[in-house]
Protein backbone atom coordinates (compact mmCIF):
# COMPACT_ATOMS: atom_id res chain seq x y z
CA UNK A 1 0.00 0.00 0.00
CA UNK A 2 1.05 3.58 -0.64
CA UNK A 3 -0.12 6.46 1.54
CA UNK A 4 0.42 10.14 0.76
CA UNK A 5 -0.40 12.69 3.46
CA UNK A 6 -0.81 16.34 2.48
CA UNK A 7 0.10 18.61 5.38
CA UNK A 8 1.56 21.99 6.30
CA UNK A 9 3.43 20.48 9.25
CA UNK A 10 5.51 17.50 8.05
CA UNK A 11 7.62 17.43 11.22
CA UNK A 12 4.58 16.29 13.19
CA UNK A 13 4.93 12.87 11.52
CA UNK A 14 8.53 12.14 12.56
CA UNK A 15 7.62 10.09 15.63
CA UNK A 16 4.74 8.40 13.86
CA UNK A 17 6.97 7.15 11.04
CA UNK A 18 9.98 6.20 13.14
CA UNK A 19 8.59 4.19 16.02
CA UNK A 20 6.98 0.82 16.73
CA UNK A 21 4.77 -1.08 14.28
CA UNK A 22 4.56 1.67 11.65
CA UNK A 23 8.35 1.83 11.39
CA UNK A 24 8.55 -1.96 11.04
CA UNK A 25 5.83 -1.95 8.37
CA UNK A 26 7.81 0.63 6.40
CA UNK A 27 11.06 -1.32 6.73
CA UNK A 28 9.29 -4.50 5.58
CA UNK A 29 7.91 -2.51 2.61
CA UNK A 30 4.37 -3.42 3.58
CA UNK A 31 3.55 0.26 3.20
CA UNK A 32 5.14 3.32 1.59
CA UNK A 33 4.28 6.61 3.30
CA UNK A 34 5.03 9.97 1.70
CA UNK A 35 4.56 13.19 3.67
CA UNK A 36 3.80 16.01 1.24
CA UNK A 37 4.22 19.63 2.37
CA UNK A 38 1.65 21.32 0.18
CA UNK A 39 3.05 24.72 1.10
CA UNK A 40 5.58 23.97 -1.64
CA UNK A 41 2.70 24.22 -4.14
CA UNK A 42 1.83 27.79 -3.13
CA UNK A 43 1.26 30.26 -5.97
CA UNK A 44 2.89 33.06 -3.98
CA UNK A 45 6.52 34.01 -3.36
CA UNK A 46 5.94 33.98 0.41
CA UNK A 47 4.53 30.41 0.22
CA UNK A 48 1.10 31.55 1.45
CA UNK A 49 -1.56 28.83 1.27
CA UNK A 50 -4.45 30.50 3.11
CA UNK A 51 -6.48 33.70 2.90
CA UNK A 52 -9.29 35.60 4.58
CA UNK A 53 -12.82 34.18 4.13
CA UNK A 54 -15.29 35.80 1.75
CA UNK A 55 -18.17 37.30 3.70
CA UNK A 56 -15.96 38.04 6.69
CA UNK A 57 -15.31 36.04 9.84
CA UNK A 58 -12.40 35.09 12.03
CA UNK A 59 -9.39 33.03 11.06
CA UNK A 60 -7.83 32.07 7.76
CA UNK A 61 -9.07 29.58 5.19
CA UNK A 62 -6.96 27.17 3.13
CA UNK A 63 -6.94 28.01 -0.58
CA UNK A 64 -7.80 25.33 -3.12
CA UNK A 65 -4.94 25.85 -5.62
CA UNK A 66 -2.00 24.37 -3.66
CA UNK A 67 -4.01 21.33 -2.63
CA UNK A 68 -5.29 20.82 -6.18
CA UNK A 69 -1.76 21.07 -7.60
CA UNK A 70 -0.36 18.67 -5.02
CA UNK A 71 -3.09 16.14 -5.78
CA UNK A 72 -2.57 16.43 -9.54
CA UNK A 73 1.13 15.81 -9.01
CA UNK A 74 0.35 12.61 -7.08
CA UNK A 75 -2.32 11.48 -9.52
CA UNK A 76 0.03 11.75 -12.50
CA UNK A 77 1.43 8.40 -11.37
CA UNK A 78 -1.83 6.95 -10.07
CA UNK A 79 -5.12 8.50 -11.26
CA UNK A 80 -7.06 5.94 -9.18
CA UNK A 81 -5.64 7.01 -5.81
CA UNK A 82 -8.42 7.37 -3.21
CA UNK A 83 -8.44 10.89 -1.73
CA UNK A 84 -9.66 11.30 1.86
CA UNK A 85 -10.32 14.62 3.58
CA UNK A 86 -9.93 14.69 7.35
CA UNK A 87 -12.71 16.93 8.69
CA UNK A 88 -14.94 17.09 11.81
CA UNK A 89 -18.06 16.92 9.64
CA UNK A 90 -16.99 13.77 7.79
CA UNK A 91 -18.29 10.22 8.20
CA UNK A 92 -17.63 8.93 11.75
CA UNK A 93 -14.69 6.53 11.55
CA UNK A 94 -15.29 2.90 12.51
CA UNK A 95 -13.27 -0.32 12.47
CA UNK A 96 -15.31 -1.54 9.50
CA UNK A 97 -13.95 1.36 7.46
CA UNK A 98 -10.38 0.44 8.39
CA UNK A 99 -11.00 -3.12 7.18
CA UNK A 100 -12.27 -1.84 3.81
CA UNK A 101 -9.59 0.79 3.33
CA UNK A 102 -6.71 -1.65 3.96
CA UNK A 103 -7.55 -3.26 0.60
CA UNK A 104 -6.93 0.00 -1.27
CA UNK A 105 -3.62 0.24 -3.12
CA UNK A 106 -3.15 3.99 -2.71
CA UNK A 107 -4.65 6.42 -0.19
CA UNK A 108 -4.17 10.19 -0.05
CA UNK A 109 -5.06 12.08 3.13
CA UNK A 110 -5.61 15.85 3.18
CA UNK A 111 -4.97 17.51 6.54
CA UNK A 112 -6.88 20.72 7.03
CA UNK A 113 -5.66 23.52 9.29
CA UNK A 114 -6.45 27.03 10.46
CA UNK A 115 -10.11 28.10 10.49
CA UNK A 116 -11.06 25.67 7.73
CA UNK A 117 -10.69 25.09 4.02
CA UNK A 118 -12.26 26.39 0.84
CA UNK A 119 -15.48 24.41 0.33
CA UNK A 120 -14.43 23.56 -3.24
CA UNK A 121 -11.66 21.32 -1.87
CA UNK A 122 -14.40 18.79 -1.08
CA UNK A 123 -14.92 18.28 -4.84
CA UNK A 124 -11.38 16.85 -5.07
CA UNK A 125 -12.06 14.11 -2.51
CA UNK A 126 -13.59 10.65 -2.68
CA UNK A 127 -14.35 10.47 1.03
CA UNK A 128 -14.53 12.63 4.16
CA UNK A 129 -13.68 11.14 7.56
CA UNK A 130 -14.11 12.35 11.14
CA UNK A 131 -12.49 10.57 14.11
CA UNK A 132 -14.91 12.09 16.61
CA UNK A 133 -17.25 14.90 17.55
CA UNK A 134 -14.58 17.38 18.59
CA UNK A 135 -12.31 19.89 16.87
CA UNK A 136 -8.52 19.70 16.67
CA UNK A 137 -6.03 22.28 15.43
CA UNK A 138 -5.51 20.33 12.23
CA UNK A 139 -5.97 17.05 10.39
CA UNK A 140 -2.50 15.68 11.13
CA UNK A 141 -3.40 13.68 14.24
CA UNK A 142 -6.57 12.24 12.62
CA UNK A 143 -4.54 11.24 9.54
CA UNK A 144 -2.10 9.38 11.81
CA UNK A 145 -4.94 7.68 13.68
CA UNK A 146 -6.65 6.46 10.51
CA UNK A 147 -3.36 5.43 8.86
CA UNK A 148 -2.31 3.46 11.95
CA UNK A 149 -5.64 1.62 12.11
CA UNK A 150 -5.31 0.63 8.44
CA UNK A 151 -1.61 -0.26 8.32
CA UNK A 152 -1.82 -2.67 11.27
CA UNK A 153 -4.42 -4.67 9.30
CA UNK A 154 -2.20 -5.17 6.25
CA UNK A 155 -1.15 -8.79 5.92
CA UNK A 156 2.15 -9.50 7.66
CA UNK A 157 2.30 -6.29 9.69
CA UNK A 158 0.82 -7.95 12.82
CA UNK A 159 0.32 -11.67 13.37
CA UNK A 160 -3.15 -12.90 12.41
CA UNK A 161 -3.72 -14.36 15.89
CA UNK A 162 -3.34 -10.88 17.40
CA UNK A 163 -6.10 -9.50 15.18
CA UNK A 164 -8.72 -12.22 15.62
CA UNK A 165 -10.35 -11.18 18.91
CA UNK A 166 -9.59 -7.48 19.02
CA UNK A 167 -12.13 -4.91 20.13
CA UNK A 168 -14.88 -4.18 17.59
CA UNK A 169 -14.50 -7.49 15.76
CA UNK A 170 -18.01 -8.97 15.67
CA UNK A 171 -19.23 -5.73 17.32
CA UNK A 172 -17.69 -6.78 20.65
CA UNK A 173 -14.92 -5.33 22.80
CA UNK A 174 -11.79 -7.38 23.56
CA UNK A 175 -11.62 -9.81 26.47
CA UNK A 176 -9.51 -9.07 29.60
CA UNK A 177 -5.90 -10.27 29.55
CA UNK A 178 -3.44 -10.98 32.38
CA UNK A 179 0.24 -11.73 32.81
CA UNK A 180 2.63 -12.35 35.72
CA UNK A 181 2.49 -12.02 38.69
CA UNK A 182 -0.38 -14.41 39.36
CA UNK A 183 -1.49 -12.27 42.31
CA UNK A 184 -0.89 -8.56 42.93
CA UNK A 185 -2.17 -6.69 46.00
CA UNK A 186 -4.96 -9.24 46.45
CA UNK A 187 -6.00 -9.17 42.79
CA UNK A 188 -5.76 -12.67 41.29
CA UNK A 189 -5.68 -13.97 37.76
CA UNK A 190 -8.98 -15.83 37.07
CA UNK A 191 -8.60 -19.56 37.75
CA UNK A 192 -9.87 -20.54 34.31
CA UNK A 193 -6.82 -18.93 32.67
CA UNK A 194 -4.55 -21.16 34.78
CA UNK A 195 -6.50 -24.35 34.03
CA UNK A 196 -4.85 -25.26 30.75
CA UNK A 197 -8.31 -26.13 29.37
CA UNK A 198 -8.36 -24.22 26.09
CA UNK A 199 -12.04 -24.86 25.41
CA UNK A 200 -13.01 -23.41 28.79
CA UNK A 201 -10.65 -20.48 28.29
CA UNK A 202 -12.17 -19.72 24.88
CA UNK A 203 -15.70 -19.88 26.32
CA UNK A 204 -14.71 -17.61 29.24
CA UNK A 205 -13.15 -15.07 26.91
CA UNK A 206 -16.25 -14.96 24.72
CA UNK A 207 -18.47 -14.49 27.77
CA UNK A 208 -16.22 -11.70 29.03
CA UNK A 209 -16.36 -9.94 25.65
CA UNK A 210 -20.15 -9.95 25.75
CA UNK A 211 -20.25 -8.84 29.39
CA UNK A 212 -17.73 -6.05 28.83
CA UNK A 213 -19.55 -4.77 25.74
CA UNK A 214 -22.91 -4.75 27.55
CA UNK A 215 -21.42 -2.74 30.41
CA UNK A 216 -19.25 -0.29 28.50
CA UNK A 217 -20.63 -0.04 24.96
CA UNK A 218 -24.24 -1.32 24.86
CA UNK A 219 -24.69 0.68 21.64
CA UNK A 220 -22.55 -1.92 19.86
CA UNK A 221 -24.76 -4.86 20.82
C-alpha atoms as a PDB file:
ATOM      1  CA  UNK A   1       0.000   0.000   0.000  1.00  0.00           C
ATOM      2  CA  UNK A   2       1.052   3.578  -0.642  1.00  0.00           C
ATOM      3  CA  UNK A   3      -0.121   6.464   1.537  1.00  0.00           C
ATOM      4  CA  UNK A   4       0.421  10.144   0.760  1.00  0.00           C
ATOM      5  CA  UNK A   5      -0.398  12.686   3.464  1.00  0.00           C
ATOM      6  CA  UNK A   6      -0.807  16.339   2.478  1.00  0.00           C
ATOM      7  CA  UNK A   7       0.096  18.610   5.379  1.00  0.00           C
ATOM      8  CA  UNK A   8       1.561  21.994   6.303  1.00  0.00           C
ATOM      9  CA  UNK A   9       3.427  20.481   9.251  1.00  0.00           C
ATOM     10  CA  UNK A  10       5.512  17.496   8.047  1.00  0.00           C
ATOM     11  CA  UNK A  11       7.621  17.429  11.225  1.00  0.00           C
ATOM     12  CA  UNK A  12       4.581  16.285  13.191  1.00  0.00           C
ATOM     13  CA  UNK A  13       4.933  12.874  11.521  1.00  0.00           C
ATOM     14  CA  UNK A  14       8.528  12.136  12.563  1.00  0.00           C
ATOM     15  CA  UNK A  15       7.624  10.090  15.633  1.00  0.00           C
ATOM     16  CA  UNK A  16       4.744   8.395  13.859  1.00  0.00           C
ATOM     17  CA  UNK A  17       6.975   7.150  11.043  1.00  0.00           C
ATOM     18  CA  UNK A  18       9.983   6.196  13.143  1.00  0.00           C
ATOM     19  CA  UNK A  19       8.585   4.188  16.025  1.00  0.00           C
ATOM     20  CA  UNK A  20       6.976   0.819  16.726  1.00  0.00           C
ATOM     21  CA  UNK A  21       4.766  -1.076  14.278  1.00  0.00           C
ATOM     22  CA  UNK A  22       4.561   1.674  11.649  1.00  0.00           C
ATOM     23  CA  UNK A  23       8.350   1.834  11.385  1.00  0.00           C
ATOM     24  CA  UNK A  24       8.549  -1.963  11.041  1.00  0.00           C
ATOM     25  CA  UNK A  25       5.830  -1.952   8.367  1.00  0.00           C
ATOM     26  CA  UNK A  26       7.806   0.633   6.396  1.00  0.00           C
ATOM     27  CA  UNK A  27      11.060  -1.323   6.735  1.00  0.00           C
ATOM     28  CA  UNK A  28       9.291  -4.500   5.585  1.00  0.00           C
ATOM     29  CA  UNK A  29       7.913  -2.507   2.609  1.00  0.00           C
ATOM     30  CA  UNK A  30       4.366  -3.425   3.584  1.00  0.00           C
ATOM     31  CA  UNK A  31       3.550   0.263   3.202  1.00  0.00           C
ATOM     32  CA  UNK A  32       5.140   3.319   1.593  1.00  0.00           C
ATOM     33  CA  UNK A  33       4.278   6.612   3.301  1.00  0.00           C
ATOM     34  CA  UNK A  34       5.028   9.973   1.704  1.00  0.00           C
ATOM     35  CA  UNK A  35       4.560  13.191   3.671  1.00  0.00           C
ATOM     36  CA  UNK A  36       3.801  16.013   1.236  1.00  0.00           C
ATOM     37  CA  UNK A  37       4.219  19.633   2.374  1.00  0.00           C
ATOM     38  CA  UNK A  38       1.646  21.316   0.177  1.00  0.00           C
ATOM     39  CA  UNK A  39       3.051  24.721   1.095  1.00  0.00           C
ATOM     40  CA  UNK A  40       5.580  23.966  -1.644  1.00  0.00           C
ATOM     41  CA  UNK A  41       2.702  24.223  -4.140  1.00  0.00           C
ATOM     42  CA  UNK A  42       1.832  27.788  -3.127  1.00  0.00           C
ATOM     43  CA  UNK A  43       1.263  30.258  -5.966  1.00  0.00           C
ATOM     44  CA  UNK A  44       2.887  33.060  -3.981  1.00  0.00           C
ATOM     45  CA  UNK A  45       6.517  34.009  -3.365  1.00  0.00           C
ATOM     46  CA  UNK A  46       5.943  33.982   0.408  1.00  0.00           C
ATOM     47  CA  UNK A  47       4.530  30.412   0.219  1.00  0.00           C
ATOM     48  CA  UNK A  48       1.099  31.552   1.448  1.00  0.00           C
ATOM     49  CA  UNK A  49      -1.560  28.830   1.266  1.00  0.00           C
ATOM     50  CA  UNK A  50      -4.449  30.500   3.106  1.00  0.00           C
ATOM     51  CA  UNK A  51      -6.481  33.701   2.900  1.00  0.00           C
ATOM     52  CA  UNK A  52      -9.293  35.602   4.585  1.00  0.00           C
ATOM     53  CA  UNK A  53     -12.816  34.178   4.135  1.00  0.00           C
ATOM     54  CA  UNK A  54     -15.292  35.795   1.748  1.00  0.00           C
ATOM     55  CA  UNK A  55     -18.174  37.295   3.699  1.00  0.00           C
ATOM     56  CA  UNK A  56     -15.962  38.036   6.685  1.00  0.00           C
ATOM     57  CA  UNK A  57     -15.314  36.044   9.838  1.00  0.00           C
ATOM     58  CA  UNK A  58     -12.405  35.086  12.033  1.00  0.00           C
ATOM     59  CA  UNK A  59      -9.392  33.026  11.064  1.00  0.00           C
ATOM     60  CA  UNK A  60      -7.830  32.073   7.762  1.00  0.00           C
ATOM     61  CA  UNK A  61      -9.074  29.579   5.189  1.00  0.00           C
ATOM     62  CA  UNK A  62      -6.956  27.172   3.126  1.00  0.00           C
ATOM     63  CA  UNK A  63      -6.942  28.008  -0.577  1.00  0.00           C
ATOM     64  CA  UNK A  64      -7.798  25.333  -3.117  1.00  0.00           C
ATOM     65  CA  UNK A  65      -4.940  25.853  -5.618  1.00  0.00           C
ATOM     66  CA  UNK A  66      -2.002  24.370  -3.662  1.00  0.00           C
ATOM     67  CA  UNK A  67      -4.009  21.326  -2.630  1.00  0.00           C
ATOM     68  CA  UNK A  68      -5.285  20.824  -6.180  1.00  0.00           C
ATOM     69  CA  UNK A  69      -1.757  21.070  -7.603  1.00  0.00           C
ATOM     70  CA  UNK A  70      -0.356  18.665  -5.015  1.00  0.00           C
ATOM     71  CA  UNK A  71      -3.087  16.140  -5.782  1.00  0.00           C
ATOM     72  CA  UNK A  72      -2.575  16.426  -9.535  1.00  0.00           C
ATOM     73  CA  UNK A  73       1.134  15.814  -9.015  1.00  0.00           C
ATOM     74  CA  UNK A  74       0.352  12.614  -7.077  1.00  0.00           C
ATOM     75  CA  UNK A  75      -2.316  11.476  -9.517  1.00  0.00           C
ATOM     76  CA  UNK A  76       0.025  11.752 -12.499  1.00  0.00           C
ATOM     77  CA  UNK A  77       1.434   8.398 -11.372  1.00  0.00           C
ATOM     78  CA  UNK A  78      -1.826   6.951 -10.075  1.00  0.00           C
ATOM     79  CA  UNK A  79      -5.119   8.501 -11.260  1.00  0.00           C
ATOM     80  CA  UNK A  80      -7.061   5.937  -9.179  1.00  0.00           C
ATOM     81  CA  UNK A  81      -5.640   7.011  -5.813  1.00  0.00           C
ATOM     82  CA  UNK A  82      -8.416   7.372  -3.213  1.00  0.00           C
ATOM     83  CA  UNK A  83      -8.442  10.890  -1.734  1.00  0.00           C
ATOM     84  CA  UNK A  84      -9.663  11.301   1.859  1.00  0.00           C
ATOM     85  CA  UNK A  85     -10.322  14.619   3.580  1.00  0.00           C
ATOM     86  CA  UNK A  86      -9.927  14.686   7.354  1.00  0.00           C
ATOM     87  CA  UNK A  87     -12.705  16.928   8.694  1.00  0.00           C
ATOM     88  CA  UNK A  88     -14.940  17.089  11.810  1.00  0.00           C
ATOM     89  CA  UNK A  89     -18.056  16.921   9.639  1.00  0.00           C
ATOM     90  CA  UNK A  90     -16.989  13.773   7.792  1.00  0.00           C
ATOM     91  CA  UNK A  91     -18.293  10.224   8.202  1.00  0.00           C
ATOM     92  CA  UNK A  92     -17.631   8.933  11.751  1.00  0.00           C
ATOM     93  CA  UNK A  93     -14.688   6.532  11.549  1.00  0.00           C
ATOM     94  CA  UNK A  94     -15.291   2.901  12.508  1.00  0.00           C
ATOM     95  CA  UNK A  95     -13.273  -0.316  12.472  1.00  0.00           C
ATOM     96  CA  UNK A  96     -15.307  -1.544   9.503  1.00  0.00           C
ATOM     97  CA  UNK A  97     -13.953   1.362   7.458  1.00  0.00           C
ATOM     98  CA  UNK A  98     -10.380   0.439   8.390  1.00  0.00           C
ATOM     99  CA  UNK A  99     -11.002  -3.120   7.180  1.00  0.00           C
ATOM    100  CA  UNK A 100     -12.273  -1.844   3.815  1.00  0.00           C
ATOM    101  CA  UNK A 101      -9.585   0.788   3.331  1.00  0.00           C
ATOM    102  CA  UNK A 102      -6.714  -1.649   3.960  1.00  0.00           C
ATOM    103  CA  UNK A 103      -7.546  -3.258   0.603  1.00  0.00           C
ATOM    104  CA  UNK A 104      -6.932   0.005  -1.268  1.00  0.00           C
ATOM    105  CA  UNK A 105      -3.619   0.244  -3.121  1.00  0.00           C
ATOM    106  CA  UNK A 106      -3.155   3.986  -2.712  1.00  0.00           C
ATOM    107  CA  UNK A 107      -4.647   6.424  -0.192  1.00  0.00           C
ATOM    108  CA  UNK A 108      -4.170  10.190  -0.054  1.00  0.00           C
ATOM    109  CA  UNK A 109      -5.063  12.082   3.133  1.00  0.00           C
ATOM    110  CA  UNK A 110      -5.606  15.848   3.182  1.00  0.00           C
ATOM    111  CA  UNK A 111      -4.969  17.512   6.542  1.00  0.00           C
ATOM    112  CA  UNK A 112      -6.880  20.722   7.025  1.00  0.00           C
ATOM    113  CA  UNK A 113      -5.660  23.518   9.286  1.00  0.00           C
ATOM    114  CA  UNK A 114      -6.447  27.026  10.456  1.00  0.00           C
ATOM    115  CA  UNK A 115     -10.109  28.102  10.488  1.00  0.00           C
ATOM    116  CA  UNK A 116     -11.059  25.671   7.732  1.00  0.00           C
ATOM    117  CA  UNK A 117     -10.690  25.086   4.015  1.00  0.00           C
ATOM    118  CA  UNK A 118     -12.261  26.390   0.839  1.00  0.00           C
ATOM    119  CA  UNK A 119     -15.479  24.412   0.332  1.00  0.00           C
ATOM    120  CA  UNK A 120     -14.431  23.561  -3.243  1.00  0.00           C
ATOM    121  CA  UNK A 121     -11.660  21.321  -1.871  1.00  0.00           C
ATOM    122  CA  UNK A 122     -14.399  18.792  -1.080  1.00  0.00           C
ATOM    123  CA  UNK A 123     -14.916  18.282  -4.835  1.00  0.00           C
ATOM    124  CA  UNK A 124     -11.376  16.852  -5.066  1.00  0.00           C
ATOM    125  CA  UNK A 125     -12.060  14.112  -2.513  1.00  0.00           C
ATOM    126  CA  UNK A 126     -13.590  10.645  -2.677  1.00  0.00           C
ATOM    127  CA  UNK A 127     -14.350  10.468   1.033  1.00  0.00           C
ATOM    128  CA  UNK A 128     -14.527  12.634   4.164  1.00  0.00           C
ATOM    129  CA  UNK A 129     -13.683  11.138   7.557  1.00  0.00           C
ATOM    130  CA  UNK A 130     -14.106  12.350  11.143  1.00  0.00           C
ATOM    131  CA  UNK A 131     -12.487  10.573  14.108  1.00  0.00           C
ATOM    132  CA  UNK A 132     -14.907  12.085  16.612  1.00  0.00           C
ATOM    133  CA  UNK A 133     -17.246  14.900  17.549  1.00  0.00           C
ATOM    134  CA  UNK A 134     -14.584  17.383  18.593  1.00  0.00           C
ATOM    135  CA  UNK A 135     -12.310  19.890  16.875  1.00  0.00           C
ATOM    136  CA  UNK A 136      -8.515  19.698  16.673  1.00  0.00           C
ATOM    137  CA  UNK A 137      -6.031  22.276  15.433  1.00  0.00           C
ATOM    138  CA  UNK A 138      -5.513  20.326  12.226  1.00  0.00           C
ATOM    139  CA  UNK A 139      -5.971  17.048  10.395  1.00  0.00           C
ATOM    140  CA  UNK A 140      -2.502  15.682  11.132  1.00  0.00           C
ATOM    141  CA  UNK A 141      -3.396  13.678  14.241  1.00  0.00           C
ATOM    142  CA  UNK A 142      -6.569  12.243  12.623  1.00  0.00           C
ATOM    143  CA  UNK A 143      -4.541  11.236   9.545  1.00  0.00           C
ATOM    144  CA  UNK A 144      -2.101   9.382  11.806  1.00  0.00           C
ATOM    145  CA  UNK A 145      -4.939   7.685  13.678  1.00  0.00           C
ATOM    146  CA  UNK A 146      -6.649   6.459  10.510  1.00  0.00           C
ATOM    147  CA  UNK A 147      -3.362   5.431   8.857  1.00  0.00           C
ATOM    148  CA  UNK A 148      -2.312   3.455  11.949  1.00  0.00           C
ATOM    149  CA  UNK A 149      -5.645   1.617  12.108  1.00  0.00           C
ATOM    150  CA  UNK A 150      -5.312   0.629   8.442  1.00  0.00           C
ATOM    151  CA  UNK A 151      -1.610  -0.260   8.321  1.00  0.00           C
ATOM    152  CA  UNK A 152      -1.822  -2.668  11.269  1.00  0.00           C
ATOM    153  CA  UNK A 153      -4.423  -4.673   9.304  1.00  0.00           C
ATOM    154  CA  UNK A 154      -2.197  -5.173   6.255  1.00  0.00           C
ATOM    155  CA  UNK A 155      -1.150  -8.792   5.922  1.00  0.00           C
ATOM    156  CA  UNK A 156       2.151  -9.498   7.659  1.00  0.00           C
ATOM    157  CA  UNK A 157       2.296  -6.287   9.694  1.00  0.00           C
ATOM    158  CA  UNK A 158       0.823  -7.946  12.818  1.00  0.00           C
ATOM    159  CA  UNK A 159       0.323 -11.674  13.373  1.00  0.00           C
ATOM    160  CA  UNK A 160      -3.148 -12.903  12.413  1.00  0.00           C
ATOM    161  CA  UNK A 161      -3.723 -14.359  15.887  1.00  0.00           C
ATOM    162  CA  UNK A 162      -3.335 -10.880  17.402  1.00  0.00           C
ATOM    163  CA  UNK A 163      -6.103  -9.500  15.182  1.00  0.00           C
ATOM    164  CA  UNK A 164      -8.725 -12.217  15.623  1.00  0.00           C
ATOM    165  CA  UNK A 165     -10.350 -11.179  18.908  1.00  0.00           C
ATOM    166  CA  UNK A 166      -9.592  -7.484  19.020  1.00  0.00           C
ATOM    167  CA  UNK A 167     -12.125  -4.909  20.130  1.00  0.00           C
ATOM    168  CA  UNK A 168     -14.879  -4.178  17.587  1.00  0.00           C
ATOM    169  CA  UNK A 169     -14.495  -7.491  15.761  1.00  0.00           C
ATOM    170  CA  UNK A 170     -18.010  -8.970  15.668  1.00  0.00           C
ATOM    171  CA  UNK A 171     -19.231  -5.726  17.318  1.00  0.00           C
ATOM    172  CA  UNK A 172     -17.687  -6.781  20.647  1.00  0.00           C
ATOM    173  CA  UNK A 173     -14.922  -5.330  22.804  1.00  0.00           C
ATOM    174  CA  UNK A 174     -11.793  -7.376  23.558  1.00  0.00           C
ATOM    175  CA  UNK A 175     -11.622  -9.814  26.469  1.00  0.00           C
ATOM    176  CA  UNK A 176      -9.513  -9.066  29.599  1.00  0.00           C
ATOM    177  CA  UNK A 177      -5.904 -10.270  29.546  1.00  0.00           C
ATOM    178  CA  UNK A 178      -3.438 -10.976  32.383  1.00  0.00           C
ATOM    179  CA  UNK A 179       0.240 -11.735  32.814  1.00  0.00           C
ATOM    180  CA  UNK A 180       2.633 -12.349  35.724  1.00  0.00           C
ATOM    181  CA  UNK A 181       2.490 -12.018  38.694  1.00  0.00           C
ATOM    182  CA  UNK A 182      -0.378 -14.410  39.356  1.00  0.00           C
ATOM    183  CA  UNK A 183      -1.491 -12.271  42.308  1.00  0.00           C
ATOM    184  CA  UNK A 184      -0.887  -8.558  42.933  1.00  0.00           C
ATOM    185  CA  UNK A 185      -2.168  -6.687  45.997  1.00  0.00           C
ATOM    186  CA  UNK A 186      -4.956  -9.236  46.452  1.00  0.00           C
ATOM    187  CA  UNK A 187      -5.996  -9.175  42.787  1.00  0.00           C
ATOM    188  CA  UNK A 188      -5.759 -12.675  41.288  1.00  0.00           C
ATOM    189  CA  UNK A 189      -5.684 -13.968  37.760  1.00  0.00           C
ATOM    190  CA  UNK A 190      -8.977 -15.835  37.067  1.00  0.00           C
ATOM    191  CA  UNK A 191      -8.602 -19.557  37.752  1.00  0.00           C
ATOM    192  CA  UNK A 192      -9.871 -20.536  34.308  1.00  0.00           C
ATOM    193  CA  UNK A 193      -6.816 -18.931  32.672  1.00  0.00           C
ATOM    194  CA  UNK A 194      -4.552 -21.163  34.781  1.00  0.00           C
ATOM    195  CA  UNK A 195      -6.500 -24.349  34.034  1.00  0.00           C
ATOM    196  CA  UNK A 196      -4.848 -25.263  30.753  1.00  0.00           C
ATOM    197  CA  UNK A 197      -8.314 -26.128  29.374  1.00  0.00           C
ATOM    198  CA  UNK A 198      -8.359 -24.222  26.087  1.00  0.00           C
ATOM    199  CA  UNK A 199     -12.036 -24.859  25.407  1.00  0.00           C
ATOM    200  CA  UNK A 200     -13.011 -23.407  28.792  1.00  0.00           C
ATOM    201  CA  UNK A 201     -10.651 -20.478  28.293  1.00  0.00           C
ATOM    202  CA  UNK A 202     -12.171 -19.721  24.880  1.00  0.00           C
ATOM    203  CA  UNK A 203     -15.698 -19.884  26.324  1.00  0.00           C
ATOM    204  CA  UNK A 204     -14.710 -17.614  29.239  1.00  0.00           C
ATOM    205  CA  UNK A 205     -13.151 -15.068  26.914  1.00  0.00           C
ATOM    206  CA  UNK A 206     -16.253 -14.957  24.722  1.00  0.00           C
ATOM    207  CA  UNK A 207     -18.474 -14.495  27.771  1.00  0.00           C
ATOM    208  CA  UNK A 208     -16.221 -11.703  29.026  1.00  0.00           C
ATOM    209  CA  UNK A 209     -16.359  -9.943  25.650  1.00  0.00           C
ATOM    210  CA  UNK A 210     -20.146  -9.948  25.746  1.00  0.00           C
ATOM    211  CA  UNK A 211     -20.246  -8.844  29.389  1.00  0.00           C
ATOM    212  CA  UNK A 212     -17.731  -6.046  28.825  1.00  0.00           C
ATOM    213  CA  UNK A 213     -19.551  -4.770  25.740  1.00  0.00           C
ATOM    214  CA  UNK A 214     -22.914  -4.752  27.547  1.00  0.00           C
ATOM    215  CA  UNK A 215     -21.420  -2.741  30.411  1.00  0.00           C
ATOM    216  CA  UNK A 216     -19.249  -0.293  28.495  1.00  0.00           C
ATOM    217  CA  UNK A 217     -20.631  -0.042  24.963  1.00  0.00           C
ATOM    218  CA  UNK A 218     -24.239  -1.315  24.855  1.00  0.00           C
ATOM    219  CA  UNK A 219     -24.690   0.683  21.644  1.00  0.00           C
ATOM    220  CA  UNK A 220     -22.548  -1.917  19.863  1.00  0.00           C
ATOM    221  CA  UNK A 221     -24.762  -4.859  20.819  1.00  0.00           C
END
